[in-house]
Structure formats: C-alpha cells, structure tokens
Amino acid sequence: MRYGTFGKNSIESCHPFLRQNNWKTRNLVVAGNFNLTNVDELFDLLVSIGQHPKEKSDTVTVLEKIGHYLDVENDRIVDKYKALGYSKQEITEKIIENLNVGEILRNSAQDWDGGYAMAGLIGHGDAFVLRDPNGIRPAFIYEDDEIVVVASERPVIQTAFNLQADQIREIKPGHAAIIRKDGTLLEEEVTPPAPRKS
C-alpha cells in the first residue's frame, strides 16, 4: 500500500485504488506517484458523462476516467462480436485478445494536467505504466524474458536485479509501457511529449 497522495492520509486514500466489476475485463487497479492540478475540472467532466464519483481526489478521478474508457472499449468489442454471432463466453476471450489499452489511456489522459507515473492492472491480466508528457515524475523500466519491472529510480532496479545502468531505460514522457497478458511489452505514445520539467 502507498500513502494517500491527496487529501487526508486515511485508509480510504491509500493506494492501490480498485474499481470492481463482475466482468474481469472491466476490473481495474491503479496506483502511482501523481498529483493532478485540475481535479475540479476532471471531476466535473466525470459528472458530465453521468458518473457520480464518491469523492473529489486525483486518485479517484484518474481511476474513474480510465474505468470509463475501459468500459467504452469493452462495449465496442462486445458490440462488434455480438453482431458477428459470437457467444458471450467467446466475446470475453475476444475482449482479452483485442482490448486496446493504449487507446483507453489516450482517451483518459486527454485533460490531465500535472505530474504522474501511474501503474494499472486490468482484471484479465494486462498492465500498464503511464508517464506524464513533461516527464515530471520519473519512470524506469527493465525487461528480460521472465520479467518486466518499473520503478521511479534506476538504482532500485539495478540493486534488486544486479544490473548495470545501461540495461535499464527510461519510459519516455507521454508514453505508456503496456504489458499484455501474454507477456508482450509495448511502449506507445499516449500524449504528445512536452518540454521537460523533471
């Protein structure tokens, strides 16, 4: 668990934050190092699309915004394969195969203002780490044929895995490292990189 980054330091404010659903491809866990400066605006955006978030904090706002677009992406895939005559169980497998995590994050992060390096896990096994376009919050990544690890500091990874500095790379500002359930690692631009402010 991580301490609350917004508001009071209570159990309700601790990371990770969880958005639960009976459909595994709609479950979402988010945790990270972030501080969004336009929480009021983001809260109002959620209300304008029909949501009623339980509180006004950057963590809840981030979770619900990503969750909304996760639902939209699920619905898109369901509609496509339902029209093609697939069964509900077959459609769940099609969602897992075709879920576009990069697109979910692009839609979610459009209005975010601030610094963030956040990690998320979707219930069927896809994961992501997303970094702000100004590179305010650091994020370093290492991968081999067994693991993918991300941390906010390169030396932590070096020490834990007995690596050299040049074996670890920085996730580019505005990019997301997306780890698919099958272990495939992609790095996609989510928001256009902006001037560095790290």
N, C-alpha and C. Protein backbone atom coordinates (compact mmCIF):
# COMPACT_ATOMS: atom_id res chain seq x y z
N MET A 1 0.84 -1.19 0.00
CA MET A 1 0.00 0.00 0.00
C MET A 1 0.88 1.23 0.00
N ARG A 2 0.36 2.28 -0.55
CA ARG A 2 1.07 3.55 -0.62
C ARG A 2 0.24 4.57 0.12
N TYR A 3 0.91 5.53 0.73
CA TYR A 3 0.19 6.57 1.45
C TYR A 3 -0.68 7.39 0.51
N GLY A 4 -1.69 8.05 1.06
CA GLY A 4 -2.57 8.88 0.26
C GLY A 4 -1.83 10.08 -0.30
N THR A 5 -2.04 10.37 -1.58
CA THR A 5 -1.35 11.49 -2.22
C THR A 5 -2.24 12.72 -2.33
N PHE A 6 -3.46 12.61 -1.88
CA PHE A 6 -4.39 13.73 -2.00
C PHE A 6 -5.31 13.66 -0.80
N GLY A 7 -5.53 14.78 -0.16
CA GLY A 7 -6.47 14.80 0.97
C GLY A 7 -5.85 14.20 2.21
N LYS A 8 -6.70 13.62 3.03
CA LYS A 8 -6.21 13.08 4.29
C LYS A 8 -5.50 11.73 4.10
N ASN A 9 -4.68 11.41 5.05
CA ASN A 9 -3.89 10.20 4.99
C ASN A 9 -4.63 9.07 5.71
N SER A 10 -5.75 8.65 5.14
CA SER A 10 -6.58 7.60 5.74
C SER A 10 -6.53 6.35 4.88
N ILE A 11 -7.07 5.27 5.37
CA ILE A 11 -7.10 4.01 4.62
C ILE A 11 -7.83 4.18 3.29
N GLU A 12 -8.83 5.03 3.26
CA GLU A 12 -9.58 5.29 2.03
C GLU A 12 -8.74 6.00 0.98
N SER A 13 -7.67 6.67 1.39
CA SER A 13 -6.83 7.42 0.45
C SER A 13 -5.59 6.66 0.02
N CYS A 14 -5.38 5.46 0.55
CA CYS A 14 -4.17 4.69 0.25
C CYS A 14 -4.28 3.97 -1.09
N HIS A 15 -3.14 3.84 -1.74
CA HIS A 15 -3.06 3.09 -2.99
C HIS A 15 -2.84 1.62 -2.66
N PRO A 16 -3.25 0.70 -3.51
CA PRO A 16 -3.89 0.92 -4.80
C PRO A 16 -5.39 1.18 -4.65
N PHE A 17 -5.93 1.85 -5.66
CA PHE A 17 -7.37 2.07 -5.74
C PHE A 17 -7.94 1.01 -6.68
N LEU A 18 -9.10 0.49 -6.32
CA LEU A 18 -9.71 -0.62 -7.04
C LEU A 18 -11.09 -0.23 -7.54
N ARG A 19 -11.35 -0.54 -8.79
CA ARG A 19 -12.67 -0.38 -9.41
C ARG A 19 -13.14 -1.78 -9.76
N GLN A 20 -14.15 -2.25 -9.04
CA GLN A 20 -14.59 -3.64 -9.19
C GLN A 20 -15.77 -3.80 -10.12
N ASN A 21 -15.81 -4.96 -10.78
CA ASN A 21 -16.89 -5.31 -11.68
C ASN A 21 -16.94 -6.83 -11.76
N ASN A 22 -18.10 -7.39 -12.08
CA ASN A 22 -18.21 -8.83 -12.23
C ASN A 22 -17.56 -9.35 -13.51
N TRP A 23 -17.27 -8.45 -14.46
CA TRP A 23 -16.60 -8.82 -15.70
C TRP A 23 -15.11 -8.55 -15.53
N LYS A 24 -14.28 -9.60 -15.67
CA LYS A 24 -12.85 -9.43 -15.39
C LYS A 24 -12.18 -8.38 -16.26
N THR A 25 -12.67 -8.18 -17.46
CA THR A 25 -12.05 -7.20 -18.35
C THR A 25 -12.47 -5.76 -18.01
N ARG A 26 -13.28 -5.59 -16.97
CA ARG A 26 -13.69 -4.25 -16.54
C ARG A 26 -13.15 -3.93 -15.14
N ASN A 27 -12.47 -4.87 -14.50
CA ASN A 27 -11.84 -4.59 -13.21
C ASN A 27 -10.57 -3.81 -13.43
N LEU A 28 -10.27 -2.88 -12.51
CA LEU A 28 -9.12 -2.00 -12.69
C LEU A 28 -8.52 -1.66 -11.33
N VAL A 29 -7.20 -1.74 -11.25
CA VAL A 29 -6.45 -1.32 -10.08
C VAL A 29 -5.46 -0.25 -10.55
N VAL A 30 -5.38 0.85 -9.82
CA VAL A 30 -4.45 1.93 -10.17
C VAL A 30 -3.69 2.37 -8.92
N ALA A 31 -2.40 2.59 -9.10
CA ALA A 31 -1.55 3.14 -8.03
C ALA A 31 -0.44 3.94 -8.70
N GLY A 32 0.13 4.87 -7.98
CA GLY A 32 1.23 5.60 -8.59
C GLY A 32 1.68 6.80 -7.82
N ASN A 33 2.52 7.54 -8.48
CA ASN A 33 3.09 8.76 -7.96
C ASN A 33 2.55 9.88 -8.85
N PHE A 34 1.54 10.56 -8.39
CA PHE A 34 0.97 11.61 -9.23
C PHE A 34 0.28 12.69 -8.42
N ASN A 35 0.20 13.84 -9.06
CA ASN A 35 -0.52 14.98 -8.50
C ASN A 35 -1.09 15.77 -9.67
N LEU A 36 -2.40 15.67 -9.84
CA LEU A 36 -3.05 16.41 -10.92
C LEU A 36 -3.52 17.74 -10.38
N THR A 37 -3.28 18.78 -11.16
CA THR A 37 -3.58 20.14 -10.70
C THR A 37 -4.97 20.62 -11.06
N ASN A 38 -5.70 19.86 -11.87
CA ASN A 38 -7.03 20.29 -12.33
C ASN A 38 -8.12 19.30 -11.91
N VAL A 39 -8.07 18.88 -10.66
CA VAL A 39 -9.01 17.87 -10.16
C VAL A 39 -10.47 18.34 -10.26
N ASP A 40 -10.73 19.61 -9.96
CA ASP A 40 -12.11 20.12 -10.03
C ASP A 40 -12.66 19.98 -11.45
N GLU A 41 -11.86 20.36 -12.43
CA GLU A 41 -12.28 20.26 -13.83
C GLU A 41 -12.51 18.79 -14.22
N LEU A 42 -11.62 17.91 -13.80
CA LEU A 42 -11.75 16.49 -14.13
C LEU A 42 -12.97 15.87 -13.46
N PHE A 43 -13.23 16.27 -12.22
CA PHE A 43 -14.42 15.80 -11.52
C PHE A 43 -15.68 16.22 -12.28
N ASP A 44 -15.72 17.48 -12.71
CA ASP A 44 -16.88 17.98 -13.47
C ASP A 44 -17.05 17.22 -14.78
N LEU A 45 -15.94 16.86 -15.43
CA LEU A 45 -16.03 16.07 -16.67
C LEU A 45 -16.67 14.71 -16.41
N LEU A 46 -16.30 14.08 -15.29
CA LEU A 46 -16.91 12.78 -14.96
C LEU A 46 -18.41 12.93 -14.71
N VAL A 47 -18.79 13.98 -14.01
CA VAL A 47 -20.21 14.23 -13.75
C VAL A 47 -20.95 14.47 -15.07
N SER A 48 -20.30 15.18 -16.01
CA SER A 48 -20.95 15.48 -17.29
C SER A 48 -21.20 14.24 -18.14
N ILE A 49 -20.45 13.15 -17.90
CA ILE A 49 -20.70 11.91 -18.65
C ILE A 49 -21.60 10.96 -17.86
N GLY A 50 -22.14 11.44 -16.73
CA GLY A 50 -23.12 10.66 -15.98
C GLY A 50 -22.59 9.94 -14.76
N GLN A 51 -21.32 10.09 -14.45
CA GLN A 51 -20.77 9.43 -13.27
C GLN A 51 -21.04 10.26 -12.02
N HIS A 52 -20.94 9.61 -10.90
CA HIS A 52 -21.08 10.29 -9.60
C HIS A 52 -19.98 9.77 -8.69
N PRO A 53 -18.72 10.24 -8.90
CA PRO A 53 -17.59 9.75 -8.11
C PRO A 53 -17.83 9.95 -6.61
N LYS A 54 -17.31 9.00 -5.81
CA LYS A 54 -17.56 9.02 -4.38
C LYS A 54 -16.82 10.14 -3.66
N GLU A 55 -15.76 10.68 -4.28
CA GLU A 55 -15.07 11.81 -3.68
C GLU A 55 -14.30 12.57 -4.76
N LYS A 56 -13.85 13.75 -4.41
CA LYS A 56 -13.12 14.59 -5.34
C LYS A 56 -11.64 14.54 -4.97
N SER A 57 -10.93 13.58 -5.57
CA SER A 57 -9.49 13.46 -5.36
C SER A 57 -8.86 13.06 -6.69
N ASP A 58 -7.57 13.31 -6.83
CA ASP A 58 -6.94 12.97 -8.10
C ASP A 58 -6.94 11.46 -8.34
N THR A 59 -6.78 10.67 -7.30
CA THR A 59 -6.74 9.22 -7.47
C THR A 59 -8.09 8.67 -7.93
N VAL A 60 -9.16 9.08 -7.28
CA VAL A 60 -10.50 8.63 -7.68
C VAL A 60 -10.81 9.12 -9.08
N THR A 61 -10.45 10.35 -9.39
CA THR A 61 -10.72 10.92 -10.70
C THR A 61 -9.98 10.14 -11.79
N VAL A 62 -8.71 9.83 -11.56
CA VAL A 62 -7.93 9.04 -12.51
C VAL A 62 -8.55 7.65 -12.68
N LEU A 63 -8.83 6.98 -11.58
CA LEU A 63 -9.41 5.64 -11.62
C LEU A 63 -10.71 5.63 -12.41
N GLU A 64 -11.59 6.56 -12.13
CA GLU A 64 -12.90 6.58 -12.79
C GLU A 64 -12.80 6.99 -14.26
N LYS A 65 -11.86 7.86 -14.60
CA LYS A 65 -11.71 8.25 -16.00
C LYS A 65 -11.18 7.08 -16.82
N ILE A 66 -10.15 6.40 -16.31
CA ILE A 66 -9.65 5.21 -17.01
C ILE A 66 -10.74 4.14 -17.04
N GLY A 67 -11.45 3.96 -15.93
CA GLY A 67 -12.53 2.98 -15.87
C GLY A 67 -13.62 3.25 -16.88
N HIS A 68 -13.95 4.53 -17.07
CA HIS A 68 -14.98 4.89 -18.05
C HIS A 68 -14.56 4.44 -19.45
N TYR A 69 -13.33 4.77 -19.83
CA TYR A 69 -12.87 4.40 -21.18
C TYR A 69 -12.59 2.90 -21.31
N LEU A 70 -12.30 2.24 -20.20
CA LEU A 70 -12.20 0.78 -20.21
C LEU A 70 -13.58 0.19 -20.53
N ASP A 71 -14.62 0.74 -19.93
CA ASP A 71 -15.99 0.30 -20.23
C ASP A 71 -16.35 0.57 -21.69
N VAL A 72 -15.99 1.74 -22.19
CA VAL A 72 -16.28 2.10 -23.59
C VAL A 72 -15.61 1.10 -24.54
N GLU A 73 -14.35 0.77 -24.26
CA GLU A 73 -13.61 -0.17 -25.11
C GLU A 73 -14.23 -1.57 -25.02
N ASN A 74 -14.61 -2.00 -23.83
CA ASN A 74 -15.30 -3.29 -23.68
C ASN A 74 -16.58 -3.30 -24.50
N ASP A 75 -17.38 -2.24 -24.38
CA ASP A 75 -18.65 -2.16 -25.12
C ASP A 75 -18.42 -2.21 -26.63
N ARG A 76 -17.38 -1.53 -27.10
CA ARG A 76 -17.07 -1.52 -28.54
C ARG A 76 -16.81 -2.95 -29.04
N ILE A 77 -16.01 -3.68 -28.29
CA ILE A 77 -15.66 -5.04 -28.70
C ILE A 77 -16.87 -5.97 -28.58
N VAL A 78 -17.66 -5.83 -27.51
CA VAL A 78 -18.87 -6.64 -27.35
C VAL A 78 -19.80 -6.42 -28.54
N ASP A 79 -20.06 -5.17 -28.88
CA ASP A 79 -20.96 -4.86 -29.99
C ASP A 79 -20.47 -5.47 -31.30
N LYS A 80 -19.17 -5.36 -31.55
CA LYS A 80 -18.58 -5.89 -32.79
C LYS A 80 -18.79 -7.40 -32.89
N TYR A 81 -18.45 -8.13 -31.83
CA TYR A 81 -18.51 -9.59 -31.90
C TYR A 81 -19.91 -10.15 -31.68
N LYS A 82 -20.75 -9.40 -31.01
CA LYS A 82 -22.15 -9.82 -30.86
C LYS A 82 -22.82 -9.79 -32.24
N ALA A 83 -22.54 -8.73 -33.02
CA ALA A 83 -23.10 -8.61 -34.36
C ALA A 83 -22.61 -9.73 -35.28
N LEU A 84 -21.43 -10.28 -34.98
CA LEU A 84 -20.89 -11.38 -35.78
C LEU A 84 -21.36 -12.75 -35.31
N GLY A 85 -22.21 -12.78 -34.25
CA GLY A 85 -22.80 -14.02 -33.79
C GLY A 85 -22.02 -14.79 -32.75
N TYR A 86 -21.01 -14.19 -32.15
CA TYR A 86 -20.23 -14.88 -31.11
C TYR A 86 -21.04 -15.01 -29.82
N SER A 87 -20.78 -16.06 -29.06
CA SER A 87 -21.43 -16.25 -27.76
C SER A 87 -20.80 -15.30 -26.74
N LYS A 88 -21.47 -15.14 -25.60
CA LYS A 88 -20.96 -14.25 -24.56
C LYS A 88 -19.61 -14.71 -24.05
N GLN A 89 -19.43 -16.01 -23.87
CA GLN A 89 -18.13 -16.52 -23.42
C GLN A 89 -17.05 -16.31 -24.47
N GLU A 90 -17.39 -16.50 -25.73
CA GLU A 90 -16.42 -16.25 -26.80
C GLU A 90 -16.06 -14.77 -26.87
N ILE A 91 -17.04 -13.91 -26.61
CA ILE A 91 -16.79 -12.47 -26.65
C ILE A 91 -15.81 -12.07 -25.55
N THR A 92 -15.90 -12.68 -24.37
CA THR A 92 -14.96 -12.36 -23.30
C THR A 92 -13.53 -12.63 -23.78
N GLU A 93 -13.31 -13.74 -24.47
CA GLU A 93 -11.97 -14.04 -24.99
C GLU A 93 -11.56 -13.04 -26.06
N LYS A 94 -12.52 -12.58 -26.87
CA LYS A 94 -12.22 -11.57 -27.90
C LYS A 94 -11.85 -10.24 -27.26
N ILE A 95 -12.49 -9.90 -26.14
CA ILE A 95 -12.13 -8.68 -25.41
C ILE A 95 -10.68 -8.78 -24.94
N ILE A 96 -10.33 -9.91 -24.34
CA ILE A 96 -8.97 -10.11 -23.83
C ILE A 96 -7.95 -9.99 -24.97
N GLU A 97 -8.26 -10.55 -26.12
CA GLU A 97 -7.35 -10.52 -27.27
C GLU A 97 -7.24 -9.13 -27.89
N ASN A 98 -8.33 -8.36 -27.88
CA ASN A 98 -8.40 -7.14 -28.67
C ASN A 98 -8.46 -5.84 -27.89
N LEU A 99 -8.44 -5.90 -26.57
CA LEU A 99 -8.54 -4.69 -25.77
C LEU A 99 -7.38 -3.75 -26.11
N ASN A 100 -7.69 -2.53 -26.49
CA ASN A 100 -6.67 -1.56 -26.89
C ASN A 100 -6.36 -0.65 -25.69
N VAL A 101 -5.40 -1.08 -24.87
CA VAL A 101 -5.04 -0.34 -23.66
C VAL A 101 -4.49 1.04 -24.01
N GLY A 102 -3.71 1.13 -25.08
CA GLY A 102 -3.18 2.43 -25.50
C GLY A 102 -4.28 3.43 -25.79
N GLU A 103 -5.32 2.99 -26.47
CA GLU A 103 -6.44 3.89 -26.80
C GLU A 103 -7.20 4.29 -25.54
N ILE A 104 -7.38 3.36 -24.63
CA ILE A 104 -8.04 3.68 -23.35
C ILE A 104 -7.26 4.78 -22.64
N LEU A 105 -5.94 4.65 -22.59
CA LEU A 105 -5.11 5.64 -21.90
C LEU A 105 -5.08 6.97 -22.64
N ARG A 106 -5.04 6.93 -23.98
CA ARG A 106 -5.07 8.19 -24.75
C ARG A 106 -6.35 8.98 -24.46
N ASN A 107 -7.48 8.29 -24.46
CA ASN A 107 -8.74 8.96 -24.17
C ASN A 107 -8.80 9.46 -22.73
N SER A 108 -8.29 8.67 -21.81
CA SER A 108 -8.36 9.02 -20.39
C SER A 108 -7.49 10.22 -20.04
N ALA A 109 -6.29 10.28 -20.60
CA ALA A 109 -5.30 11.29 -20.19
C ALA A 109 -5.44 12.62 -20.93
N GLN A 110 -6.39 12.74 -21.83
CA GLN A 110 -6.54 13.96 -22.64
C GLN A 110 -6.53 15.24 -21.82
N ASP A 111 -7.23 15.26 -20.71
CA ASP A 111 -7.41 16.50 -19.96
C ASP A 111 -6.58 16.56 -18.68
N TRP A 112 -5.69 15.60 -18.46
CA TRP A 112 -4.91 15.60 -17.23
C TRP A 112 -3.83 16.67 -17.28
N ASP A 113 -3.68 17.37 -16.17
CA ASP A 113 -2.66 18.40 -16.04
C ASP A 113 -1.91 18.14 -14.74
N GLY A 114 -0.63 17.89 -14.85
CA GLY A 114 0.17 17.63 -13.65
C GLY A 114 1.22 16.58 -13.94
N GLY A 115 1.83 16.10 -12.87
CA GLY A 115 2.88 15.10 -13.00
C GLY A 115 2.37 13.74 -12.57
N TYR A 116 2.71 12.70 -13.35
CA TYR A 116 2.27 11.37 -12.97
C TYR A 116 3.14 10.27 -13.56
N ALA A 117 3.32 9.26 -12.78
CA ALA A 117 3.83 7.96 -13.21
C ALA A 117 2.90 6.99 -12.49
N MET A 118 1.99 6.42 -13.24
CA MET A 118 0.97 5.56 -12.61
C MET A 118 0.95 4.19 -13.26
N ALA A 119 0.67 3.22 -12.41
CA ALA A 119 0.59 1.84 -12.87
C ALA A 119 -0.85 1.37 -12.73
N GLY A 120 -1.24 0.51 -13.64
CA GLY A 120 -2.58 -0.06 -13.59
C GLY A 120 -2.56 -1.52 -14.00
N LEU A 121 -3.54 -2.23 -13.50
CA LEU A 121 -3.71 -3.64 -13.82
C LEU A 121 -5.19 -3.87 -14.12
N ILE A 122 -5.46 -4.50 -15.26
CA ILE A 122 -6.83 -4.82 -15.65
C ILE A 122 -7.07 -6.28 -15.26
N GLY A 123 -8.29 -6.58 -14.87
CA GLY A 123 -8.62 -7.86 -14.26
C GLY A 123 -8.25 -9.11 -15.02
N HIS A 124 -8.13 -9.05 -16.32
CA HIS A 124 -7.79 -10.25 -17.10
C HIS A 124 -6.28 -10.43 -17.23
N GLY A 125 -5.47 -9.42 -16.82
CA GLY A 125 -4.02 -9.61 -16.81
C GLY A 125 -3.20 -8.59 -17.54
N ASP A 126 -3.78 -7.71 -18.37
CA ASP A 126 -3.00 -6.64 -18.99
C ASP A 126 -2.62 -5.62 -17.92
N ALA A 127 -1.45 -4.99 -18.09
CA ALA A 127 -0.98 -3.98 -17.14
C ALA A 127 -0.38 -2.82 -17.92
N PHE A 128 -0.21 -1.69 -17.23
CA PHE A 128 0.39 -0.53 -17.88
C PHE A 128 1.08 0.36 -16.85
N VAL A 129 2.03 1.15 -17.35
CA VAL A 129 2.63 2.24 -16.58
C VAL A 129 2.61 3.43 -17.51
N LEU A 130 2.04 4.52 -17.05
CA LEU A 130 1.84 5.72 -17.86
C LEU A 130 2.60 6.89 -17.24
N ARG A 131 3.31 7.65 -18.08
CA ARG A 131 4.11 8.77 -17.61
C ARG A 131 3.61 10.08 -18.21
N ASP A 132 3.67 11.15 -17.42
CA ASP A 132 3.18 12.45 -17.88
C ASP A 132 4.03 12.99 -19.03
N PRO A 133 3.45 13.85 -19.88
CA PRO A 133 4.15 14.32 -21.08
C PRO A 133 5.35 15.23 -20.79
N ASN A 134 5.42 15.83 -19.61
CA ASN A 134 6.55 16.70 -19.27
C ASN A 134 7.66 15.95 -18.54
N GLY A 135 7.46 14.69 -18.27
CA GLY A 135 8.48 13.92 -17.56
C GLY A 135 8.71 14.40 -16.14
N ILE A 136 7.67 14.96 -15.52
CA ILE A 136 7.79 15.47 -14.16
C ILE A 136 8.08 14.33 -13.19
N ARG A 137 7.33 13.25 -13.32
CA ARG A 137 7.54 12.08 -12.46
C ARG A 137 8.41 11.08 -13.22
N PRO A 138 9.45 10.55 -12.59
CA PRO A 138 10.34 9.61 -13.27
C PRO A 138 9.74 8.21 -13.36
N ALA A 139 10.19 7.45 -14.35
CA ALA A 139 9.78 6.05 -14.51
C ALA A 139 10.85 5.33 -15.33
N PHE A 140 11.43 4.29 -14.75
CA PHE A 140 12.46 3.49 -15.41
C PHE A 140 11.97 2.06 -15.54
N ILE A 141 12.40 1.40 -16.62
CA ILE A 141 11.89 0.06 -16.91
C ILE A 141 13.03 -0.88 -17.30
N TYR A 142 12.88 -2.11 -16.88
CA TYR A 142 13.79 -3.19 -17.28
C TYR A 142 12.93 -4.38 -17.68
N GLU A 143 13.35 -5.06 -18.73
CA GLU A 143 12.65 -6.27 -19.16
C GLU A 143 13.66 -7.33 -19.58
N ASP A 144 13.30 -8.56 -19.35
CA ASP A 144 14.02 -9.68 -19.93
C ASP A 144 12.99 -10.73 -20.29
N ASP A 145 13.42 -11.96 -20.53
CA ASP A 145 12.45 -12.97 -20.98
C ASP A 145 11.57 -13.51 -19.85
N GLU A 146 11.78 -13.05 -18.61
CA GLU A 146 10.98 -13.51 -17.48
C GLU A 146 10.17 -12.41 -16.81
N ILE A 147 10.68 -11.20 -16.79
CA ILE A 147 10.03 -10.14 -16.01
C ILE A 147 10.02 -8.80 -16.73
N VAL A 148 9.13 -7.95 -16.27
CA VAL A 148 9.14 -6.53 -16.59
C VAL A 148 9.01 -5.83 -15.24
N VAL A 149 9.90 -4.89 -14.97
CA VAL A 149 9.85 -4.16 -13.70
C VAL A 149 9.98 -2.67 -13.98
N VAL A 150 9.20 -1.88 -13.26
CA VAL A 150 9.24 -0.43 -13.39
C VAL A 150 9.39 0.16 -12.00
N ALA A 151 10.23 1.19 -11.90
CA ALA A 151 10.41 1.89 -10.63
C ALA A 151 10.69 3.36 -10.93
N SER A 152 10.53 4.19 -9.93
CA SER A 152 10.78 5.61 -10.13
C SER A 152 12.26 5.96 -10.08
N GLU A 153 13.10 5.01 -9.71
CA GLU A 153 14.54 5.26 -9.65
C GLU A 153 15.30 4.10 -10.27
N ARG A 154 16.24 4.43 -11.15
CA ARG A 154 17.07 3.42 -11.81
C ARG A 154 17.88 2.58 -10.81
N PRO A 155 18.52 3.19 -9.78
CA PRO A 155 19.34 2.39 -8.86
C PRO A 155 18.57 1.30 -8.10
N VAL A 156 17.29 1.51 -7.87
CA VAL A 156 16.49 0.49 -7.19
C VAL A 156 16.44 -0.78 -8.04
N ILE A 157 16.23 -0.61 -9.33
CA ILE A 157 16.19 -1.77 -10.23
C ILE A 157 17.58 -2.39 -10.34
N GLN A 158 18.60 -1.54 -10.47
CA GLN A 158 19.98 -2.05 -10.56
C GLN A 158 20.32 -2.93 -9.36
N THR A 159 20.02 -2.44 -8.17
CA THR A 159 20.36 -3.16 -6.95
C THR A 159 19.55 -4.45 -6.81
N ALA A 160 18.25 -4.37 -7.03
CA ALA A 160 17.38 -5.53 -6.84
C ALA A 160 17.69 -6.66 -7.82
N PHE A 161 18.11 -6.30 -9.05
CA PHE A 161 18.32 -7.32 -10.08
C PHE A 161 19.77 -7.46 -10.51
N ASN A 162 20.69 -6.79 -9.79
CA ASN A 162 22.13 -6.86 -10.07
C ASN A 162 22.42 -6.52 -11.53
N LEU A 163 21.98 -5.33 -11.96
CA LEU A 163 22.10 -4.89 -13.35
C LEU A 163 23.02 -3.69 -13.45
N GLN A 164 23.43 -3.41 -14.68
CA GLN A 164 24.18 -2.20 -14.98
C GLN A 164 23.19 -1.10 -15.41
N ALA A 165 23.58 0.14 -15.23
CA ALA A 165 22.69 1.27 -15.54
C ALA A 165 22.20 1.24 -16.99
N ASP A 166 23.07 0.83 -17.92
CA ASP A 166 22.68 0.85 -19.34
C ASP A 166 21.70 -0.26 -19.72
N GLN A 167 21.39 -1.16 -18.79
CA GLN A 167 20.40 -2.21 -19.05
C GLN A 167 18.98 -1.73 -18.73
N ILE A 168 18.88 -0.57 -18.12
CA ILE A 168 17.59 -0.02 -17.69
C ILE A 168 17.34 1.24 -18.49
N ARG A 169 16.14 1.38 -18.99
CA ARG A 169 15.83 2.58 -19.77
C ARG A 169 14.70 3.37 -19.13
N GLU A 170 14.61 4.60 -19.54
CA GLU A 170 13.57 5.49 -19.04
C GLU A 170 12.34 5.33 -19.93
N ILE A 171 11.16 5.28 -19.32
CA ILE A 171 9.92 5.37 -20.12
C ILE A 171 9.83 6.82 -20.58
N LYS A 172 9.66 7.01 -21.87
CA LYS A 172 9.65 8.36 -22.42
C LYS A 172 8.44 9.15 -21.90
N PRO A 173 8.62 10.44 -21.68
CA PRO A 173 7.48 11.28 -21.28
C PRO A 173 6.33 11.16 -22.28
N GLY A 174 5.11 11.10 -21.74
CA GLY A 174 3.93 10.99 -22.58
C GLY A 174 3.68 9.59 -23.10
N HIS A 175 4.47 8.63 -22.68
CA HIS A 175 4.34 7.25 -23.17
C HIS A 175 3.82 6.32 -22.08
N ALA A 176 3.33 5.19 -22.54
CA ALA A 176 2.90 4.13 -21.64
C ALA A 176 3.62 2.84 -22.01
N ALA A 177 4.11 2.16 -21.00
CA ALA A 177 4.58 0.80 -21.17
C ALA A 177 3.36 -0.09 -20.93
N ILE A 178 3.01 -0.89 -21.91
CA ILE A 178 1.83 -1.75 -21.82
C ILE A 178 2.30 -3.19 -21.85
N ILE A 179 1.99 -3.91 -20.79
CA ILE A 179 2.37 -5.31 -20.69
C ILE A 179 1.11 -6.13 -20.88
N ARG A 180 1.06 -6.84 -22.00
CA ARG A 180 -0.11 -7.67 -22.30
C ARG A 180 -0.09 -8.93 -21.45
N LYS A 181 -1.24 -9.52 -21.29
CA LYS A 181 -1.38 -10.75 -20.50
C LYS A 181 -0.40 -11.83 -20.93
N ASP A 182 -0.10 -11.89 -22.24
CA ASP A 182 0.81 -12.91 -22.75
C ASP A 182 2.28 -12.57 -22.55
N GLY A 183 2.58 -11.41 -21.91
CA GLY A 183 3.95 -11.01 -21.63
C GLY A 183 4.54 -10.06 -22.65
N THR A 184 3.82 -9.78 -23.72
CA THR A 184 4.29 -8.83 -24.73
C THR A 184 4.38 -7.44 -24.12
N LEU A 185 5.49 -6.75 -24.36
CA LEU A 185 5.68 -5.38 -23.87
C LEU A 185 5.66 -4.43 -25.06
N LEU A 186 4.79 -3.42 -24.97
CA LEU A 186 4.71 -2.37 -25.98
C LEU A 186 4.97 -1.04 -25.29
N GLU A 187 5.54 -0.09 -26.01
CA GLU A 187 5.61 1.27 -25.49
C GLU A 187 4.95 2.16 -26.52
N GLU A 188 3.88 2.85 -26.10
CA GLU A 188 3.10 3.67 -27.02
C GLU A 188 3.03 5.11 -26.52
N GLU A 189 3.04 6.04 -27.47
CA GLU A 189 2.81 7.44 -27.11
C GLU A 189 1.33 7.59 -26.77
N VAL A 190 1.06 8.19 -25.62
CA VAL A 190 -0.31 8.40 -25.17
C VAL A 190 -0.67 9.88 -25.29
N THR A 191 0.23 10.74 -24.88
CA THR A 191 0.06 12.17 -25.03
C THR A 191 1.34 12.72 -25.66
N PRO A 192 1.24 13.73 -26.50
CA PRO A 192 2.46 14.26 -27.13
C PRO A 192 3.44 14.77 -26.08
N PRO A 193 4.71 14.34 -26.15
CA PRO A 193 5.70 14.83 -25.20
C PRO A 193 5.79 16.36 -25.26
N ALA A 194 6.01 16.96 -24.12
CA ALA A 194 6.07 18.42 -23.99
C ALA A 194 7.44 18.77 -23.39
N PRO A 195 7.74 20.07 -23.23
CA PRO A 195 9.04 20.43 -22.64
C PRO A 195 9.27 19.75 -21.30
N ARG A 196 10.49 19.26 -21.10
CA ARG A 196 10.85 18.57 -19.85
C ARG A 196 10.75 19.48 -18.64
N LYS A 197 10.12 18.96 -17.59
CA LYS A 197 10.01 19.73 -16.35
C LYS A 197 10.39 18.87 -15.15
N SER A 198 11.22 17.84 -15.38
CA SER A 198 11.61 16.95 -14.28
C SER A 198 12.57 17.66 -13.34
